[in-house]
PDB file of N, CA and C in Angstrom:
ATOM      1  N   MET A   1       4.549  10.345  54.316  1.00  0.00           N
ATOM      2  CA  MET A   1       3.762  10.817  53.199  1.00  0.00           C
ATOM      3  C   MET A   1       2.284  10.681  53.581  1.00  0.00           C
ATOM      4  N   SER A   2       1.551  11.721  53.357  1.00  0.00           N
ATOM      5  CA  SER A   2       0.134  11.699  53.717  1.00  0.00           C
ATOM      6  C   SER A   2      -0.664  10.920  52.678  1.00  0.00           C
ATOM      7  N   ALA A   3      -1.864  10.527  53.036  1.00  0.00           N
ATOM      8  CA  ALA A   3      -2.731   9.755  52.153  1.00  0.00           C
ATOM      9  C   ALA A   3      -3.107  10.559  50.915  1.00  0.00           C
ATOM     10  N   THR A   4      -3.304  11.869  51.071  1.00  0.00           N
ATOM     11  CA  THR A   4      -3.663  12.728  49.939  1.00  0.00           C
ATOM     12  C   THR A   4      -2.516  12.791  48.936  1.00  0.00           C
ATOM     13  N   THR A   5      -1.300  12.955  49.401  1.00  0.00           N
ATOM     14  CA  THR A   5      -0.136  13.022  48.521  1.00  0.00           C
ATOM     15  C   THR A   5       0.040  11.692  47.785  1.00  0.00           C
ATOM     16  N   TYR A   6      -0.146  10.589  48.508  1.00  0.00           N
ATOM     17  CA  TYR A   6      -0.028   9.265  47.913  1.00  0.00           C
ATOM     18  C   TYR A   6      -1.067   9.071  46.798  1.00  0.00           C
ATOM     19  N   MET A   7      -2.298   9.494  47.022  1.00  0.00           N
ATOM     20  CA  MET A   7      -3.369   9.370  46.022  1.00  0.00           C
ATOM     21  C   MET A   7      -3.081  10.243  44.800  1.00  0.00           C
ATOM     22  N   GLU A   8      -2.557  11.452  45.045  1.00  0.00           N
ATOM     23  CA  GLU A   8      -2.222  12.340  43.924  1.00  0.00           C
ATOM     24  C   GLU A   8      -1.116  11.725  43.074  1.00  0.00           C
ATOM     25  N   LYS A   9      -0.142  11.109  43.718  1.00  0.00           N
ATOM     26  CA  LYS A   9       0.949  10.472  42.994  1.00  0.00           C
ATOM     27  C   LYS A   9       0.428   9.285  42.179  1.00  0.00           C
ATOM     28  N   GLN A  10      -0.466   8.489  42.740  1.00  0.00           N
ATOM     29  CA  GLN A  10      -1.061   7.356  42.033  1.00  0.00           C
ATOM     30  C   GLN A  10      -1.879   7.827  40.828  1.00  0.00           C
ATOM     31  N   LEU A  11      -2.643   8.902  41.020  1.00  0.00           N
ATOM     32  CA  LEU A  11      -3.451   9.465  39.944  1.00  0.00           C
ATOM     33  C   LEU A  11      -2.568   9.981  38.823  1.00  0.00           C
ATOM     34  N   SER A  12      -1.475  10.623  39.181  1.00  0.00           N
ATOM     35  CA  SER A  12      -0.537  11.136  38.199  1.00  0.00           C
ATOM     36  C   SER A  12       0.088   9.988  37.399  1.00  0.00           C
ATOM     37  N   THR A  13       0.457   8.919  38.084  1.00  0.00           N
ATOM     38  CA  THR A  13       1.029   7.754  37.420  1.00  0.00           C
ATOM     39  C   THR A  13       0.012   7.120  36.469  1.00  0.00           C
ATOM     40  N   MET A  14      -1.227   7.022  36.876  1.00  0.00           N
ATOM     41  CA  MET A  14      -2.266   6.435  36.051  1.00  0.00           C
ATOM     42  C   MET A  14      -2.515   7.293  34.804  1.00  0.00           C
ATOM     43  N   LYS A  15      -2.516   8.594  34.954  1.00  0.00           N
ATOM     44  CA  LYS A  15      -2.712   9.492  33.809  1.00  0.00           C
ATOM     45  C   LYS A  15      -1.578   9.294  32.801  1.00  0.00           C
ATOM     46  N   PHE A  16      -0.353   9.158  33.307  1.00  0.00           N
ATOM     47  CA  PHE A  16       0.799   8.962  32.438  1.00  0.00           C
ATOM     48  C   PHE A  16       0.670   7.632  31.681  1.00  0.00           C
ATOM     49  N   GLN A  17       0.257   6.575  32.364  1.00  0.00           N
ATOM     50  CA  GLN A  17       0.096   5.276  31.723  1.00  0.00           C
ATOM     51  C   GLN A  17      -1.001   5.308  30.656  1.00  0.00           C
ATOM     52  N   ILE A  18      -2.076   6.005  30.924  1.00  0.00           N
ATOM     53  CA  ILE A  18      -3.161   6.136  29.935  1.00  0.00           C
ATOM     54  C   ILE A  18      -2.674   6.915  28.720  1.00  0.00           C
ATOM     55  N   LEU A  19      -1.899   7.958  28.933  1.00  0.00           N
ATOM     56  CA  LEU A  19      -1.348   8.744  27.833  1.00  0.00           C
ATOM     57  C   LEU A  19      -0.436   7.890  26.965  1.00  0.00           C
ATOM     58  N   ILE A  20       0.432   7.099  27.562  1.00  0.00           N
ATOM     59  CA  ILE A  20       1.322   6.215  26.804  1.00  0.00           C
ATOM     60  C   ILE A  20       0.504   5.197  26.011  1.00  0.00           C
ATOM     61  N   PHE A  21      -0.530   4.648  26.615  1.00  0.00           N
ATOM     62  CA  PHE A  21      -1.399   3.676  25.939  1.00  0.00           C
ATOM     63  C   PHE A  21      -2.077   4.304  24.721  1.00  0.00           C
ATOM     64  N   ILE A  22      -2.578   5.503  24.863  1.00  0.00           N
ATOM     65  CA  ILE A  22      -3.245   6.199  23.751  1.00  0.00           C
ATOM     66  C   ILE A  22      -2.246   6.491  22.631  1.00  0.00           C
ATOM     67  N   LEU A  23      -1.048   6.920  22.975  1.00  0.00           N
ATOM     68  CA  LEU A  23      -0.021   7.171  21.954  1.00  0.00           C
ATOM     69  C   LEU A  23       0.359   5.886  21.220  1.00  0.00           C
ATOM     70  N   LEU A  24       0.452   4.793  21.945  1.00  0.00           N
ATOM     71  CA  LEU A  24       0.755   3.507  21.327  1.00  0.00           C
ATOM     72  C   LEU A  24      -0.347   3.088  20.352  1.00  0.00           C
ATOM     73  N   LEU A  25      -1.591   3.264  20.744  1.00  0.00           N
ATOM     74  CA  LEU A  25      -2.708   2.952  19.849  1.00  0.00           C
ATOM     75  C   LEU A  25      -2.689   3.823  18.598  1.00  0.00           C
ATOM     76  N   ALA A  26      -2.372   5.093  18.758  1.00  0.00           N
ATOM     77  CA  ALA A  26      -2.316   6.007  17.614  1.00  0.00           C
ATOM     78  C   ALA A  26      -1.239   5.566  16.632  1.00  0.00           C
ATOM     79  N   CYS A  27      -0.084   5.154  17.129  1.00  0.00           N
ATOM     80  CA  CYS A  27       0.994   4.682  16.251  1.00  0.00           C
ATOM     81  C   CYS A  27       0.593   3.399  15.535  1.00  0.00           C
ATOM     82  N   MET A  28      -0.056   2.494  16.232  1.00  0.00           N
ATOM     83  CA  MET A  28      -0.489   1.242  15.616  1.00  0.00           C
ATOM     84  C   MET A  28      -1.549   1.502  14.549  1.00  0.00           C
ATOM     85  N   TYR A  29      -2.430   2.432  14.777  1.00  0.00           N
ATOM     86  CA  TYR A  29      -3.476   2.756  13.802  1.00  0.00           C
ATOM     87  C   TYR A  29      -2.852   3.238  12.496  1.00  0.00           C
ATOM     88  N   GLN A  30      -1.833   4.078  12.584  1.00  0.00           N
ATOM     89  CA  GLN A  30      -1.171   4.585  11.383  1.00  0.00           C
ATOM     90  C   GLN A  30      -0.540   3.465  10.577  1.00  0.00           C
ATOM     91  N   SER A  31       0.104   2.523  11.235  1.00  0.00           N
ATOM     92  CA  SER A  31       0.754   1.439  10.500  1.00  0.00           C
ATOM     93  C   SER A  31      -0.272   0.507   9.861  1.00  0.00           C
ATOM     94  N   VAL A  32      -1.391   0.264  10.496  1.00  0.00           N
ATOM     95  CA  VAL A  32      -2.434  -0.586   9.923  1.00  0.00           C
ATOM     96  C   VAL A  32      -3.090   0.110   8.735  1.00  0.00           C
ATOM     97  N   ALA A  33      -3.344   1.389   8.837  1.00  0.00           N
ATOM     98  CA  ALA A  33      -3.981   2.141   7.751  1.00  0.00           C
ATOM     99  C   ALA A  33      -3.088   2.183   6.521  1.00  0.00           C
ATOM    100  N   GLN A  34      -1.787   2.308   6.688  1.00  0.00           N
ATOM    101  CA  GLN A  34      -0.879   2.358   5.550  1.00  0.00           C
ATOM    102  C   GLN A  34      -0.747   1.007   4.873  1.00  0.00           C
ATOM    103  N   GLY A  35      -0.886  -0.062   5.611  1.00  0.00           N
ATOM    104  CA  GLY A  35      -0.736  -1.402   5.055  1.00  0.00           C
ATOM    105  C   GLY A  35      -1.740  -1.729   3.980  1.00  0.00           C
ATOM    106  N   SER A  36      -2.918  -1.160   3.998  1.00  0.00           N
ATOM    107  CA  SER A  36      -3.933  -1.492   3.018  1.00  0.00           C
ATOM    108  C   SER A  36      -3.631  -0.925   1.635  1.00  0.00           C
ATOM    109  N   TYR A  37      -2.776   0.075   1.527  1.00  0.00           N
ATOM    110  CA  TYR A  37      -2.427   0.664   0.238  1.00  0.00           C
ATOM    111  C   TYR A  37      -1.080   0.188  -0.285  1.00  0.00           C
ATOM    112  N   GLU A  38      -0.474  -0.746   0.396  1.00  0.00           N
ATOM    113  CA  GLU A  38       0.864  -1.176   0.069  1.00  0.00           C
ATOM    114  C   GLU A  38       1.001  -1.715  -1.349  1.00  0.00           C
ATOM    115  N   ASN A  39       0.024  -2.450  -1.850  1.00  0.00           N
ATOM    116  CA  ASN A  39       0.125  -3.078  -3.156  1.00  0.00           C
ATOM    117  C   ASN A  39      -0.653  -2.354  -4.244  1.00  0.00           C
ATOM    118  N   CYS A  40      -1.019  -1.111  -4.023  1.00  0.00           N
ATOM    119  CA  CYS A  40      -1.784  -0.365  -5.017  1.00  0.00           C
ATOM    120  C   CYS A  40      -0.885   0.542  -5.844  1.00  0.00           C
ATOM    121  N   CYS A  41      -1.197   0.611  -7.131  1.00  0.00           N
ATOM    122  CA  CYS A  41      -0.543   1.597  -7.996  1.00  0.00           C
ATOM    123  C   CYS A  41      -1.222   2.939  -7.771  1.00  0.00           C
ATOM    124  N   LEU A  42      -0.432   3.964  -7.612  1.00  0.00           N
ATOM    125  CA  LEU A  42      -0.987   5.297  -7.435  1.00  0.00           C
ATOM    126  C   LEU A  42      -0.853   6.139  -8.694  1.00  0.00           C
ATOM    127  N   LYS A  43       0.068   5.726  -9.578  1.00  0.00           N
ATOM    128  CA  LYS A  43       0.239   6.418 -10.863  1.00  0.00           C
ATOM    129  C   LYS A  43       0.864   5.445 -11.849  1.00  0.00           C
ATOM    130  N   TYR A  44       0.840   5.822 -13.125  1.00  0.00           N
ATOM    131  CA  TYR A  44       1.361   4.969 -14.181  1.00  0.00           C
ATOM    132  C   TYR A  44       2.813   5.308 -14.478  1.00  0.00           C
ATOM    133  N   ALA A  45       3.578   4.279 -14.835  1.00  0.00           N
ATOM    134  CA  ALA A  45       4.943   4.495 -15.315  1.00  0.00           C
ATOM    135  C   ALA A  45       4.850   5.012 -16.744  1.00  0.00           C
ATOM    136  N   ASP A  46       5.850   5.747 -17.172  1.00  0.00           N
ATOM    137  CA  ASP A  46       5.852   6.334 -18.509  1.00  0.00           C
ATOM    138  C   ASP A  46       6.538   5.378 -19.493  1.00  0.00           C
ATOM    139  N   ILE A  47       5.829   4.318 -19.864  1.00  0.00           N
ATOM    140  CA  ILE A  47       6.344   3.335 -20.814  1.00  0.00           C
ATOM    141  C   ILE A  47       5.413   3.362 -22.017  1.00  0.00           C
ATOM    142  N   LYS A  48       5.908   3.864 -23.120  1.00  0.00           N
ATOM    143  CA  LYS A  48       5.057   4.062 -24.301  1.00  0.00           C
ATOM    144  C   LYS A  48       5.025   2.842 -25.226  1.00  0.00           C
ATOM    145  N   SER A  49       6.057   1.973 -25.167  1.00  0.00           N
ATOM    146  CA  SER A  49       6.044   0.782 -26.014  1.00  0.00           C
ATOM    147  C   SER A  49       6.685  -0.379 -25.278  1.00  0.00           C
ATOM    148  N   LYS A  50       6.421  -1.580 -25.766  1.00  0.00           N
ATOM    149  CA  LYS A  50       6.966  -2.759 -25.101  1.00  0.00           C
ATOM    150  C   LYS A  50       8.366  -3.102 -25.592  1.00  0.00           C
ATOM    151  N   LYS A  51       8.862  -2.358 -26.575  1.00  0.00           N
ATOM    152  CA  LYS A  51      10.183  -2.638 -27.134  1.00  0.00           C
ATOM    153  C   LYS A  51      11.232  -2.605 -26.011  1.00  0.00           C
ATOM    154  N   GLY A  52      11.899  -3.704 -25.794  1.00  0.00           N
ATOM    155  CA  GLY A  52      12.919  -3.793 -24.755  1.00  0.00           C
ATOM    156  C   GLY A  52      12.366  -4.046 -23.358  1.00  0.00           C
ATOM    157  N   PHE A  53      11.112  -3.722 -23.149  1.00  0.00           N
ATOM    158  CA  PHE A  53      10.504  -3.879 -21.824  1.00  0.00           C
ATOM    159  C   PHE A  53      10.079  -5.320 -21.588  1.00  0.00           C
ATOM    160  N   ARG A  54       9.562  -5.976 -22.619  1.00  0.00           N
ATOM    161  CA  ARG A  54       8.977  -7.314 -22.500  1.00  0.00           C
ATOM    162  C   ARG A  54       9.976  -8.344 -21.981  1.00  0.00           C
ATOM    163  N   ARG A  55      11.237  -8.230 -22.367  1.00  0.00           N
ATOM    164  CA  ARG A  55      12.217  -9.242 -21.953  1.00  0.00           C
ATOM    165  C   ARG A  55      12.522  -9.195 -20.459  1.00  0.00           C
ATOM    166  N   HIS A  56      12.139  -8.105 -19.791  1.00  0.00           N
ATOM    167  CA  HIS A  56      12.360  -7.975 -18.354  1.00  0.00           C
ATOM    168  C   HIS A  56      11.148  -8.421 -17.532  1.00  0.00           C
ATOM    169  N   VAL A  57      10.033  -8.713 -18.208  1.00  0.00           N
ATOM    170  CA  VAL A  57       8.786  -9.032 -17.504  1.00  0.00           C
ATOM    171  C   VAL A  57       8.757 -10.504 -17.104  1.00  0.00           C
ATOM    172  N   GLU A  58       8.411 -10.723 -15.849  1.00  0.00           N
ATOM    173  CA  GLU A  58       8.261 -12.079 -15.326  1.00  0.00           C
ATOM    174  C   GLU A  58       6.789 -12.483 -15.245  1.00  0.00           C
ATOM    175  N   GLY A  59       5.917 -11.514 -14.994  1.00  0.00           N
ATOM    176  CA  GLY A  59       4.491 -11.774 -14.894  1.00  0.00           C
ATOM    177  C   GLY A  59       3.725 -10.469 -14.757  1.00  0.00           C
ATOM    178  N   TYR A  60       2.422 -10.580 -14.572  1.00  0.00           N
ATOM    179  CA  TYR A  60       1.599  -9.384 -14.409  1.00  0.00           C
ATOM    180  C   TYR A  60       0.339  -9.733 -13.642  1.00  0.00           C
ATOM    181  N   ARG A  61      -0.307  -8.703 -13.154  1.00  0.00           N
ATOM    182  CA  ARG A  61      -1.634  -8.826 -12.548  1.00  0.00           C
ATOM    183  C   ARG A  61      -2.413  -7.576 -12.923  1.00  0.00           C
ATOM    184  N   ILE A  62      -3.721  -7.679 -12.841  1.00  0.00           N
ATOM    185  CA  ILE A  62      -4.574  -6.536 -13.158  1.00  0.00           C
ATOM    186  C   ILE A  62      -5.106  -5.964 -11.855  1.00  0.00           C
ATOM    187  N   GLN A  63      -4.909  -4.677 -11.683  1.00  0.00           N
ATOM    188  CA  GLN A  63      -5.426  -3.975 -10.500  1.00  0.00           C
ATOM    189  C   GLN A  63      -6.711  -3.262 -10.897  1.00  0.00           C
ATOM    190  N   GLU A  64      -7.772  -3.572 -10.210  1.00  0.00           N
ATOM    191  CA  GLU A  64      -9.050  -2.905 -10.461  1.00  0.00           C
ATOM    192  C   GLU A  64      -9.158  -1.666  -9.573  1.00  0.00           C
ATOM    193  N   ALA A  65      -9.956  -0.724 -10.002  1.00  0.00           N
ATOM    194  CA  ALA A  65     -10.169   0.512  -9.230  1.00  0.00           C
ATOM    195  C   ALA A  65     -11.307   0.295  -8.245  1.00  0.00           C
ATOM    196  N   ASP A  66     -11.043  -0.518  -7.255  1.00  0.00           N
ATOM    197  CA  ASP A  66     -12.047  -0.770  -6.230  1.00  0.00           C
ATOM    198  C   ASP A  66     -11.356  -0.921  -4.885  1.00  0.00           C
ATOM    199  N   GLY A  67     -12.110  -0.889  -3.839  1.00  0.00           N
ATOM    200  CA  GLY A  67     -11.521  -1.015  -2.509  1.00  0.00           C
ATOM    201  C   GLY A  67     -10.555   0.119  -2.221  1.00  0.00           C
ATOM    202  N   GLY A  68      -9.322  -0.233  -1.887  1.00  0.00           N
ATOM    203  CA  GLY A  68      -8.331   0.772  -1.533  1.00  0.00           C
ATOM    204  C   GLY A  68      -7.554   1.320  -2.702  1.00  0.00           C
ATOM    205  N   CYS A  69      -7.699   0.744  -3.885  1.00  0.00           N
ATOM    206  CA  CYS A  69      -6.924   1.188  -5.054  1.00  0.00           C
ATOM    207  C   CYS A  69      -7.747   2.166  -5.884  1.00  0.00           C
ATOM    208  N   ASN A  70      -7.137   3.274  -6.260  1.00  0.00           N
ATOM    209  CA  ASN A  70      -7.868   4.347  -6.936  1.00  0.00           C
ATOM    210  C   ASN A  70      -7.869   4.262  -8.451  1.00  0.00           C
ATOM    211  N   ILE A  71      -6.895   3.559  -9.040  1.00  0.00           N
ATOM    212  CA  ILE A  71      -6.818   3.516 -10.500  1.00  0.00           C
ATOM    213  C   ILE A  71      -6.787   2.063 -10.976  1.00  0.00           C
ATOM    214  N   ARG A  72      -7.282   1.857 -12.196  1.00  0.00           N
ATOM    215  CA  ARG A  72      -7.172   0.563 -12.849  1.00  0.00           C
ATOM    216  C   ARG A  72      -5.814   0.532 -13.528  1.00  0.00           C
ATOM    217  N   ALA A  73      -5.085  -0.568 -13.385  1.00  0.00           N
ATOM    218  CA  ALA A  73      -3.738  -0.656 -13.952  1.00  0.00           C
ATOM    219  C   ALA A  73      -3.371  -2.103 -14.213  1.00  0.00           C
ATOM    220  N   VAL A  74      -2.387  -2.281 -15.094  1.00  0.00           N
ATOM    221  CA  VAL A  74      -1.739  -3.572 -15.260  1.00  0.00           C
ATOM    222  C   VAL A  74      -0.404  -3.452 -14.536  1.00  0.00           C
ATOM    223  N   VAL A  75      -0.170  -4.340 -13.588  1.00  0.00           N
ATOM    224  CA  VAL A  75       1.039  -4.292 -12.781  1.00  0.00           C
ATOM    225  C   VAL A  75       1.967  -5.400 -13.258  1.00  0.00           C
ATOM    226  N   PHE A  76       3.051  -5.010 -13.929  1.00  0.00           N
ATOM    227  CA  PHE A  76       4.029  -5.971 -14.405  1.00  0.00           C
ATOM    228  C   PHE A  76       5.064  -6.218 -13.318  1.00  0.00           C
ATOM    229  N   THR A  77       5.385  -7.492 -13.083  1.00  0.00           N
ATOM    230  CA  THR A  77       6.465  -7.850 -12.169  1.00  0.00           C
ATOM    231  C   THR A  77       7.684  -8.153 -13.023  1.00  0.00           C
ATOM    232  N   LEU A  78       8.770  -7.449 -12.743  1.00  0.00           N
ATOM    233  CA  LEU A  78       9.991  -7.620 -13.517  1.00  0.00           C
ATOM    234  C   LEU A  78      10.869  -8.693 -12.895  1.00  0.00           C
ATOM    235  N   LYS A  79      11.854  -9.155 -13.642  1.00  0.00           N
ATOM    236  CA  LYS A  79      12.746 -10.209 -13.162  1.00  0.00           C
ATOM    237  C   LYS A  79      13.560  -9.776 -11.949  1.00  0.00           C
ATOM    238  N   ASN A  80      13.770  -8.474 -11.792  1.00  0.00           N
ATOM    239  CA  ASN A  80      14.498  -7.975 -10.615  1.00  0.00           C
ATOM    240  C   ASN A  80      13.553  -7.717  -9.443  1.00  0.00           C
ATOM    241  N   LYS A  81      12.317  -8.245  -9.549  1.00  0.00           N
ATOM    242  CA  LYS A  81      11.278  -8.190  -8.503  1.00  0.00           C
ATOM    243  C   LYS A  81      10.661  -6.804  -8.310  1.00  0.00           C
ATOM    244  N   LYS A  82      10.976  -5.855  -9.162  1.00  0.00           N
ATOM    245  CA  LYS A  82      10.318  -4.549  -9.111  1.00  0.00           C
ATOM    246  C   LYS A  82       8.961  -4.667  -9.792  1.00  0.00           C
ATOM    247  N   MET A  83       8.062  -3.765  -9.428  1.00  0.00           N
ATOM    248  CA  MET A  83       6.746  -3.736 -10.043  1.00  0.00           C
ATOM    249  C   MET A  83       6.568  -2.422 -10.796  1.00  0.00           C
ATOM    250  N   VAL A  84       5.974  -2.523 -11.974  1.00  0.00           N
ATOM    251  CA  VAL A  84       5.758  -1.361 -12.821  1.00  0.00           C
ATOM    252  C   VAL A  84       4.275  -1.293 -13.153  1.00  0.00           C
ATOM    253  N   CYS A  85       3.667  -0.162 -12.877  1.00  0.00           N
ATOM    254  CA  CYS A  85       2.244   0.043 -13.140  1.00  0.00           C
ATOM    255  C   CYS A  85       2.074   0.740 -14.487  1.00  0.00           C
ATOM    256  N   VAL A  86       1.247   0.142 -15.330  1.00  0.00           N
ATOM    257  CA  VAL A  86       1.068   0.655 -16.689  1.00  0.00           C
ATOM    258  C   VAL A  86      -0.412   0.853 -16.945  1.00  0.00           C
ATOM    259  N   GLU A  87      -0.703   1.885 -17.716  1.00  0.00           N
ATOM    260  CA  GLU A  87      -2.087   2.176 -18.082  1.00  0.00           C
ATOM    261  C   GLU A  87      -2.636   1.029 -18.930  1.00  0.00           C
ATOM    262  N   PRO A  88      -3.771   0.453 -18.553  1.00  0.00           N
ATOM    263  CA  PRO A  88      -4.289  -0.721 -19.269  1.00  0.00           C
ATOM    264  C   PRO A  88      -4.820  -0.429 -20.665  1.00  0.00           C
ATOM    265  N   ASN A  89      -5.082   0.820 -21.003  1.00  0.00           N
ATOM    266  CA  ASN A  89      -5.651   1.155 -22.315  1.00  0.00           C
ATOM    267  C   ASN A  89      -4.605   1.396 -23.387  1.00  0.00           C
ATOM    268  N   LEU A  90      -3.324   1.328 -23.060  1.00  0.00           N
ATOM    269  CA  LEU A  90      -2.296   1.484 -24.091  1.00  0.00           C
ATOM    270  C   LEU A  90      -2.374   0.311 -25.066  1.00  0.00           C
ATOM    271  N   PRO A  91      -2.219   0.583 -26.367  1.00  0.00           N
ATOM    272  CA  PRO A  91      -2.367  -0.504 -27.360  1.00  0.00           C
ATOM    273  C   PRO A  91      -1.445  -1.701 -27.100  1.00  0.00           C
ATOM    274  N   TRP A  92      -0.195  -1.460 -26.777  1.00  0.00           N
ATOM    275  CA  TRP A  92       0.725  -2.590 -26.567  1.00  0.00           C
ATOM    276  C   TRP A  92       0.371  -3.388 -25.316  1.00  0.00           C
ATOM    277  N   VAL A  93      -0.215  -2.738 -24.331  1.00  0.00           N
ATOM    278  CA  VAL A  93      -0.651  -3.452 -23.125  1.00  0.00           C
ATOM    279  C   VAL A  93      -1.853  -4.321 -23.477  1.00  0.00           C
ATOM    280  N   GLN A  94      -2.762  -3.785 -24.283  1.00  0.00           N
ATOM    281  CA  GLN A  94      -3.918  -4.559 -24.728  1.00  0.00           C
ATOM    282  C   GLN A  94      -3.461  -5.804 -25.494  1.00  0.00           C
ATOM    283  N   GLU A  95      -2.467  -5.651 -26.354  1.00  0.00           N
ATOM    284  CA  GLU A  95      -1.954  -6.788 -27.132  1.00  0.00           C
ATOM    285  C   GLU A  95      -1.292  -7.826 -26.225  1.00  0.00           C
ATOM    286  N   GLU A  96      -0.607  -7.369 -25.221  1.00  0.00           N
ATOM    287  CA  GLU A  96       0.148  -8.250 -24.334  1.00  0.00           C
ATOM    288  C   GLU A  96      -0.737  -8.976 -23.324  1.00  0.00           C
ATOM    289  N   VAL A  97      -1.724  -8.290 -22.769  1.00  0.00           N
ATOM    290  CA  VAL A  97      -2.483  -8.809 -21.648  1.00  0.00           C
ATOM    291  C   VAL A  97      -3.789  -9.455 -22.052  1.00  0.00           C
ATOM    292  N   ILE A  98      -4.582  -8.807 -22.886  1.00  0.00           N
ATOM    293  CA  ILE A  98      -5.923  -9.282 -23.192  1.00  0.00           C
ATOM    294  C   ILE A  98      -5.934 -10.694 -23.793  1.00  0.00           C
ATOM    295  N   PRO A  99      -5.054 -11.042 -24.738  1.00  0.00           N
ATOM    296  CA  PRO A  99      -5.092 -12.414 -25.250  1.00  0.00           C
ATOM    297  C   PRO A  99      -4.793 -13.465 -24.185  1.00  0.00           C
ATOM    298  N   ASN A 100      -4.028 -13.096 -23.170  1.00  0.00           N
ATOM    299  CA  ASN A 100      -3.652 -14.037 -22.113  1.00  0.00           C
ATOM    300  C   ASN A 100      -4.593 -13.997 -20.912  1.00  0.00           C
ATOM    301  N   ASN A 101      -5.604 -13.132 -20.956  1.00  0.00           N
ATOM    302  CA  ASN A 101      -6.469 -12.935 -19.803  1.00  0.00           C
ATOM    303  C   ASN A 101      -7.929 -12.999 -20.224  1.00  0.00           C
ATOM    304  N   PRO A 102      -8.442 -14.169 -20.607  1.00  0.00           N
ATOM    305  CA  PRO A 102      -9.842 -14.250 -21.032  1.00  0.00           C
ATOM    306  C   PRO A 102     -10.788 -13.995 -19.863  1.00  0.00           C
ATOM    307  N   LYS A 103     -11.853 -13.245 -20.144  1.00  0.00           N
ATOM    308  CA  LYS A 103     -12.843 -12.950 -19.085  1.00  0.00           C
ATOM    309  C   LYS A 103     -14.194 -13.422 -19.519  1.00  0.00           C
TER     310      LYS A 103
END
């Protein structure tokens, strides 16, 4: 094998390794970018009253519309570990949350 052929083969191998490295970085970037929105509500659940809903609630948190989250919401954690996002301006949500959340 001549020196020129050997160098071309080495260059080809290096290009392939750089391509794999770039693809790996691109995949990692996508997973990191998605992680920041993992705990954000993107829309509200259609729950008009607390009748029957309250007995399934284990706790709640308030999501502000800042950083990576686009909407303000009250996020209820249910006993089955599911999360339900509710509009904070609904009257029953105001009754349920505001007395327990002094600011």
